[in-house]
Amino acid sequence: MNYLRSNRLTPAAYAAEGGKLTSSSQEEIIQMVRSERRREMCFEQLRWFDLRRWDRPSIEHTYTPDLTNTSVFFTYRLEQNDPAYTLPVPKRVLERDTELEDIKRPERAPIE
């Protein structure tokens, strides 16, 4: 991971962040790898798959349908290990393979 960071950061930024990372426990190493992967892949659209692969944490998202009126918003929550972590099969795939069964995702209502 230190090698990856040395290539991702400029030498000045690498030094400013304290240079090489060290750890005293396995849990700390895992957390550092997850944090680094989040920074390294931030615009690669892989975050959802990392969340599913690692621990499926509880996620809360606030949605504002009209940015000119930010007083109207909806909050949605995905509980830890929720069945909605599984994405539906794309329609074009279901059309090509009629024997495939789509995944049943639970309907969500905003939290009040």
Protein backbone atom coordinates (compact mmCIF):
# COMPACT_ATOMS: atom_id res chain seq x y z
CA MET A 1 0.00 0.00 0.00
CA ASN A 2 2.91 2.35 0.66
CA TYR A 3 4.10 1.72 -2.90
CA LEU A 4 0.65 2.59 -4.25
CA ARG A 5 0.52 5.78 -2.17
CA SER A 6 4.01 6.82 -3.27
CA ASN A 7 2.83 6.66 -6.91
CA ARG A 8 -0.54 8.31 -6.32
CA LEU A 9 0.72 11.27 -4.29
CA THR A 10 3.32 13.85 -5.16
CA PRO A 11 6.51 13.54 -3.09
CA ALA A 12 5.54 16.65 -1.09
CA ALA A 13 2.02 15.35 -0.37
CA TYR A 14 3.39 11.91 0.52
CA ALA A 15 5.76 13.51 3.02
CA ALA A 16 3.00 15.79 4.36
CA GLU A 17 0.80 12.75 5.07
CA GLY A 18 3.56 11.23 7.14
CA GLY A 19 5.16 9.03 4.49
CA LYS A 20 4.98 5.28 5.03
CA LEU A 21 1.99 3.85 6.85
CA THR A 22 2.52 1.43 9.72
CA SER A 23 0.04 -0.60 11.69
CA SER A 24 -0.10 -2.58 14.90
CA SER A 25 -3.15 -4.76 14.23
CA GLN A 26 -4.84 -6.62 11.41
CA GLU A 27 -8.05 -4.60 11.83
CA GLU A 28 -6.11 -1.36 11.47
CA ILE A 29 -4.48 -2.62 8.25
CA ILE A 30 -7.85 -3.60 6.81
CA GLN A 31 -9.28 -0.17 7.64
CA MET A 32 -6.27 1.57 6.03
CA VAL A 33 -6.66 -0.52 2.85
CA ARG A 34 -10.38 0.29 2.68
CA SER A 35 -9.74 4.00 3.17
CA GLU A 36 -6.99 4.03 0.56
CA ARG A 37 -9.14 2.12 -1.93
CA ARG A 38 -11.95 4.63 -1.39
CA ARG A 39 -9.60 7.50 -2.25
CA GLU A 40 -7.90 5.69 -5.13
CA MET A 41 -11.14 4.56 -6.82
CA CYS A 42 -13.40 7.49 -5.93
CA PHE A 43 -14.53 8.23 -9.52
CA GLU A 44 -14.41 4.67 -10.86
CA GLN A 45 -17.97 3.73 -9.72
CA LEU A 46 -16.72 0.79 -7.67
CA ARG A 47 -17.78 1.98 -4.21
CA TRP A 48 -21.09 0.08 -4.24
CA PHE A 49 -19.33 -3.21 -4.95
CA ASP A 50 -16.80 -2.58 -2.19
CA LEU A 51 -19.60 -1.94 0.30
CA ARG A 52 -21.32 -5.16 -0.74
CA ARG A 53 -18.12 -7.19 -0.64
CA TRP A 54 -16.85 -5.99 2.72
CA ASP A 55 -19.52 -5.62 5.36
CA ARG A 56 -22.73 -4.16 3.92
CA PRO A 57 -22.99 -1.32 6.43
CA SER A 58 -26.10 0.70 7.17
CA ILE A 59 -26.27 3.66 4.76
CA GLU A 60 -28.43 6.75 4.95
CA HIS A 61 -28.89 9.02 1.94
CA THR A 62 -30.75 12.33 1.73
CA TYR A 63 -32.31 13.06 -1.65
CA THR A 64 -33.33 16.58 -2.67
CA PRO A 65 -35.52 16.41 -5.81
CA ASP A 66 -35.50 20.18 -6.38
CA LEU A 67 -32.18 21.95 -5.75
CA THR A 68 -33.91 25.34 -5.84
CA ASN A 69 -35.97 24.33 -2.79
CA THR A 70 -33.66 22.51 -0.39
CA SER A 71 -36.27 22.49 2.37
CA VAL A 72 -37.92 19.56 0.55
CA PHE A 73 -35.91 16.37 0.88
CA PHE A 74 -36.33 12.66 1.46
CA THR A 75 -34.10 10.41 3.53
CA TYR A 76 -33.65 6.75 2.65
CA ARG A 77 -31.90 4.14 4.75
CA LEU A 78 -30.34 0.85 3.71
CA GLU A 79 -29.91 -1.31 6.79
CA GLN A 80 -26.87 -3.49 7.34
CA ASN A 81 -27.08 -6.69 5.24
CA ASP A 82 -30.33 -5.46 3.67
CA PRO A 83 -31.65 -7.55 0.72
CA ALA A 84 -31.69 -4.31 -1.32
CA TYR A 85 -27.88 -4.52 -1.51
CA THR A 86 -28.49 -6.86 -4.45
CA LEU A 87 -29.12 -5.02 -7.70
CA PRO A 88 -31.85 -6.16 -10.10
CA VAL A 89 -30.95 -7.98 -13.29
CA PRO A 90 -30.93 -5.49 -16.21
CA LYS A 91 -34.04 -5.60 -18.39
CA ARG A 92 -32.07 -6.30 -21.58
CA VAL A 93 -30.55 -9.40 -19.92
CA LEU A 94 -33.97 -10.66 -18.84
CA GLU A 95 -35.26 -10.15 -22.39
CA ARG A 96 -32.43 -12.26 -23.85
CA ASP A 97 -32.67 -15.04 -21.28
CA THR A 98 -36.32 -15.64 -20.46
CA GLU A 99 -35.50 -18.37 -17.94
CA LEU A 100 -33.69 -15.95 -15.67
CA GLU A 101 -35.64 -14.78 -12.66
CA ASP A 102 -35.28 -11.19 -11.56
CA ILE A 103 -34.21 -10.35 -8.03
CA LYS A 104 -37.00 -9.23 -5.73
CA ARG A 105 -35.94 -5.99 -4.10
CA PRO A 106 -38.00 -4.56 -1.26
CA GLU A 107 -39.85 -1.31 -1.94
CA ARG A 108 -38.55 1.69 -0.01
CA ALA A 109 -40.42 4.61 1.43
CA PRO A 110 -38.61 7.71 2.71
CA ILE A 111 -37.90 7.95 6.43
CA GLU A 112 -39.85 10.73 8.02
